[in-house]
N, C-alpha and C. Protein backbone atom coordinates (compact mmCIF):
# COMPACT_ATOMS: atom_id res chain seq x y z
N MET A 1 16.12 27.44 -12.56
CA MET A 1 16.07 27.58 -13.99
C MET A 1 15.81 26.21 -14.59
N THR A 2 15.04 26.17 -15.66
CA THR A 2 14.70 24.93 -16.33
C THR A 2 15.71 24.62 -17.41
N SER A 3 16.05 23.36 -17.53
CA SER A 3 16.96 22.92 -18.60
C SER A 3 16.13 22.22 -19.66
N ALA A 4 16.55 22.35 -20.92
CA ALA A 4 15.84 21.69 -22.01
C ALA A 4 16.81 21.35 -23.12
N ILE A 5 16.54 20.24 -23.77
CA ILE A 5 17.30 19.88 -24.96
C ILE A 5 16.46 20.37 -26.13
N VAL A 6 17.06 21.19 -26.99
CA VAL A 6 16.34 21.81 -28.10
C VAL A 6 16.95 21.35 -29.41
N ASN A 7 16.10 20.91 -30.31
CA ASN A 7 16.56 20.54 -31.65
C ASN A 7 16.27 21.70 -32.59
N LEU A 8 17.32 22.29 -33.14
CA LEU A 8 17.18 23.42 -34.05
C LEU A 8 17.60 22.98 -35.45
N THR A 9 16.95 23.57 -36.44
CA THR A 9 17.41 23.35 -37.80
C THR A 9 18.74 24.09 -37.95
N ASP A 10 19.49 23.76 -38.99
CA ASP A 10 20.76 24.45 -39.22
C ASP A 10 20.54 25.95 -39.39
N GLU A 11 19.49 26.31 -40.10
CA GLU A 11 19.19 27.72 -40.34
C GLU A 11 18.88 28.44 -39.03
N ASN A 12 18.05 27.82 -38.17
CA ASN A 12 17.72 28.45 -36.89
C ASN A 12 18.93 28.51 -35.97
N SER A 13 19.79 27.52 -36.02
CA SER A 13 21.00 27.53 -35.22
C SER A 13 21.91 28.69 -35.65
N ARG A 14 22.03 28.91 -36.95
CA ARG A 14 22.82 30.05 -37.44
C ARG A 14 22.19 31.37 -36.99
N PHE A 15 20.86 31.44 -37.06
CA PHE A 15 20.15 32.64 -36.62
C PHE A 15 20.43 32.92 -35.15
N ILE A 16 20.36 31.90 -34.31
CA ILE A 16 20.64 32.07 -32.87
C ILE A 16 22.08 32.53 -32.67
N ASN A 17 23.02 31.97 -33.45
CA ASN A 17 24.42 32.40 -33.34
C ASN A 17 24.58 33.87 -33.73
N ILE A 18 23.84 34.31 -34.74
CA ILE A 18 23.90 35.71 -35.16
C ILE A 18 23.36 36.61 -34.05
N ILE A 19 22.22 36.23 -33.46
CA ILE A 19 21.63 36.99 -32.34
C ILE A 19 22.63 37.05 -31.19
N LYS A 20 23.23 35.91 -30.88
CA LYS A 20 24.21 35.83 -29.78
C LYS A 20 25.36 36.80 -30.01
N ALA A 21 25.89 36.82 -31.22
CA ALA A 21 27.03 37.70 -31.53
C ALA A 21 26.61 39.17 -31.57
N HIS A 22 25.48 39.43 -32.20
CA HIS A 22 25.03 40.82 -32.37
C HIS A 22 24.76 41.50 -31.03
N PHE A 23 24.14 40.79 -30.10
CA PHE A 23 23.78 41.38 -28.82
C PHE A 23 24.78 41.03 -27.72
N ASP A 24 25.91 40.48 -28.10
CA ASP A 24 27.00 40.16 -27.18
C ASP A 24 26.52 39.30 -26.00
N LEU A 25 25.81 38.22 -26.35
CA LEU A 25 25.30 37.31 -25.33
C LEU A 25 26.31 36.21 -25.09
N LYS A 26 26.26 35.60 -23.91
CA LYS A 26 27.28 34.62 -23.52
C LYS A 26 27.15 33.29 -24.25
N ASN A 27 25.91 32.84 -24.46
CA ASN A 27 25.72 31.52 -25.06
C ASN A 27 24.39 31.45 -25.80
N LYS A 28 24.13 30.30 -26.43
CA LYS A 28 22.90 30.14 -27.19
C LYS A 28 21.67 30.18 -26.29
N SER A 29 21.81 29.70 -25.08
CA SER A 29 20.69 29.73 -24.15
C SER A 29 20.24 31.17 -23.90
N ASP A 30 21.20 32.06 -23.68
CA ASP A 30 20.87 33.48 -23.49
C ASP A 30 20.21 34.05 -24.75
N ALA A 31 20.68 33.63 -25.92
CA ALA A 31 20.12 34.11 -27.18
C ALA A 31 18.68 33.65 -27.35
N ILE A 32 18.41 32.40 -27.02
CA ILE A 32 17.04 31.88 -27.13
C ILE A 32 16.14 32.61 -26.14
N ASN A 33 16.59 32.81 -24.91
CA ASN A 33 15.79 33.56 -23.93
C ASN A 33 15.52 34.98 -24.40
N PHE A 34 16.51 35.61 -25.01
CA PHE A 34 16.37 36.96 -25.55
C PHE A 34 15.28 37.00 -26.62
N VAL A 35 15.32 36.05 -27.55
CA VAL A 35 14.34 36.01 -28.64
C VAL A 35 12.93 35.78 -28.08
N VAL A 36 12.81 34.88 -27.12
CA VAL A 36 11.49 34.60 -26.53
C VAL A 36 10.94 35.83 -25.83
N LYS A 37 11.78 36.53 -25.06
CA LYS A 37 11.32 37.74 -24.37
C LYS A 37 10.89 38.81 -25.36
N ARG A 38 11.68 39.00 -26.42
CA ARG A 38 11.32 40.00 -27.44
C ARG A 38 10.00 39.65 -28.10
N PHE A 39 9.81 38.37 -28.43
CA PHE A 39 8.57 37.94 -29.06
C PHE A 39 7.38 38.18 -28.14
N ALA A 40 7.52 37.79 -26.87
CA ALA A 40 6.42 37.95 -25.92
C ALA A 40 6.07 39.42 -25.73
N LYS A 41 7.10 40.29 -25.70
CA LYS A 41 6.86 41.72 -25.52
C LYS A 41 6.16 42.31 -26.75
N GLU A 42 6.63 41.94 -27.95
CA GLU A 42 6.03 42.47 -29.18
C GLU A 42 4.60 41.99 -29.38
N GLU A 43 4.34 40.75 -29.03
CA GLU A 43 3.01 40.19 -29.21
C GLU A 43 2.09 40.50 -28.04
N GLU A 44 2.65 41.12 -27.00
CA GLU A 44 1.91 41.47 -25.79
C GLU A 44 1.16 40.27 -25.24
N ILE A 45 1.90 39.19 -25.09
CA ILE A 45 1.32 37.95 -24.59
C ILE A 45 1.19 38.05 -23.07
N ASP A 46 -0.02 37.89 -22.59
CA ASP A 46 -0.28 37.87 -21.15
C ASP A 46 -0.68 36.45 -20.79
N LEU A 47 0.02 35.89 -19.84
CA LEU A 47 -0.33 34.55 -19.39
C LEU A 47 -1.58 34.63 -18.53
N PRO A 48 -2.54 33.75 -18.78
CA PRO A 48 -3.77 33.80 -17.99
C PRO A 48 -3.52 33.35 -16.55
N LEU A 49 -4.26 33.94 -15.63
CA LEU A 49 -4.16 33.57 -14.23
C LEU A 49 -5.06 32.37 -13.96
N ARG A 50 -4.64 31.53 -13.04
CA ARG A 50 -5.47 30.38 -12.66
C ARG A 50 -6.73 30.89 -11.98
N PRO A 51 -7.88 30.28 -12.25
CA PRO A 51 -9.15 30.75 -11.65
C PRO A 51 -9.12 30.80 -10.13
N GLU A 52 -8.46 29.83 -9.48
CA GLU A 52 -8.42 29.86 -8.01
C GLU A 52 -7.61 31.04 -7.50
N TYR A 53 -6.59 31.45 -8.26
CA TYR A 53 -5.80 32.61 -7.87
C TYR A 53 -6.62 33.89 -8.00
N VAL A 54 -7.41 33.98 -9.07
CA VAL A 54 -8.27 35.15 -9.28
C VAL A 54 -9.28 35.25 -8.14
N ARG A 55 -9.87 34.11 -7.75
CA ARG A 55 -10.83 34.12 -6.63
C ARG A 55 -10.16 34.57 -5.33
N LYS A 56 -8.94 34.11 -5.10
CA LYS A 56 -8.21 34.50 -3.90
C LYS A 56 -7.93 36.00 -3.90
N LEU A 57 -7.52 36.54 -5.04
CA LEU A 57 -7.26 37.98 -5.14
C LEU A 57 -8.52 38.79 -4.87
N LYS A 58 -9.64 38.35 -5.44
CA LYS A 58 -10.90 39.06 -5.22
C LYS A 58 -11.29 39.05 -3.75
N ARG A 59 -11.09 37.91 -3.07
CA ARG A 59 -11.41 37.81 -1.66
C ARG A 59 -10.53 38.76 -0.84
N ILE A 60 -9.25 38.82 -1.17
CA ILE A 60 -8.32 39.71 -0.46
C ILE A 60 -8.71 41.17 -0.67
N MET A 61 -9.10 41.50 -1.90
CA MET A 61 -9.47 42.89 -2.20
C MET A 61 -10.72 43.33 -1.44
N LYS A 62 -11.61 42.39 -1.12
CA LYS A 62 -12.83 42.73 -0.39
C LYS A 62 -12.58 42.94 1.11
N GLU A 63 -11.52 42.37 1.64
CA GLU A 63 -11.23 42.48 3.06
C GLU A 63 -10.98 43.92 3.46
N LYS A 64 -11.39 44.23 4.70
CA LYS A 64 -11.15 45.57 5.22
C LYS A 64 -9.65 45.73 5.52
N ARG A 65 -9.13 46.83 5.09
CA ARG A 65 -7.70 47.09 5.32
C ARG A 65 -7.52 47.88 6.60
N ARG A 66 -6.43 47.61 7.28
CA ARG A 66 -6.11 48.32 8.51
C ARG A 66 -4.98 49.31 8.25
N SER A 67 -5.02 50.40 8.96
CA SER A 67 -3.94 51.38 8.86
C SER A 67 -3.15 51.38 10.15
N TYR A 68 -1.86 51.52 10.01
CA TYR A 68 -0.96 51.56 11.16
C TYR A 68 -0.11 52.82 11.07
N GLY A 69 0.16 53.40 12.21
CA GLY A 69 0.99 54.60 12.26
C GLY A 69 2.47 54.28 12.09
N SER A 70 2.84 53.05 12.50
CA SER A 70 4.24 52.66 12.39
C SER A 70 4.33 51.14 12.28
N LEU A 71 5.50 50.69 11.96
CA LEU A 71 5.75 49.26 11.86
C LEU A 71 5.60 48.59 13.22
N SER A 72 6.05 49.27 14.27
CA SER A 72 5.96 48.69 15.62
C SER A 72 4.50 48.47 16.02
N GLU A 73 3.58 49.36 15.62
CA GLU A 73 2.15 49.19 15.91
C GLU A 73 1.64 47.91 15.26
N MET A 74 2.01 47.69 14.03
CA MET A 74 1.58 46.52 13.31
C MET A 74 2.13 45.25 13.95
N LEU A 75 3.41 45.28 14.31
CA LEU A 75 4.04 44.11 14.92
C LEU A 75 3.43 43.75 16.26
N LYS A 76 2.99 44.75 17.03
CA LYS A 76 2.34 44.50 18.32
C LYS A 76 1.07 43.67 18.14
N GLU A 77 0.35 43.93 17.07
CA GLU A 77 -0.89 43.19 16.81
C GLU A 77 -0.62 41.72 16.56
N TYR A 78 0.50 41.40 15.98
CA TYR A 78 0.80 40.02 15.60
C TYR A 78 1.68 39.29 16.61
N GLU A 79 1.98 39.91 17.74
CA GLU A 79 2.81 39.25 18.76
C GLU A 79 1.97 38.42 19.69
């Protein structure tokens, strides 16, 4: 988990305290995380994927897939 020092205005600090109390959260950190998650969900924010990751996914999707009847069959191939 990442730690951060956050400077809030008095008004925003009171708002975070209200959120914390209303949703029965343990601390201000949980309240801030709650607000960020709600905002991201409402705004439907999707984080972009790195181009190299997209290329890797496309390469994997093109590969021929193998079928195995059981886990032991698969493990034999890799022994």
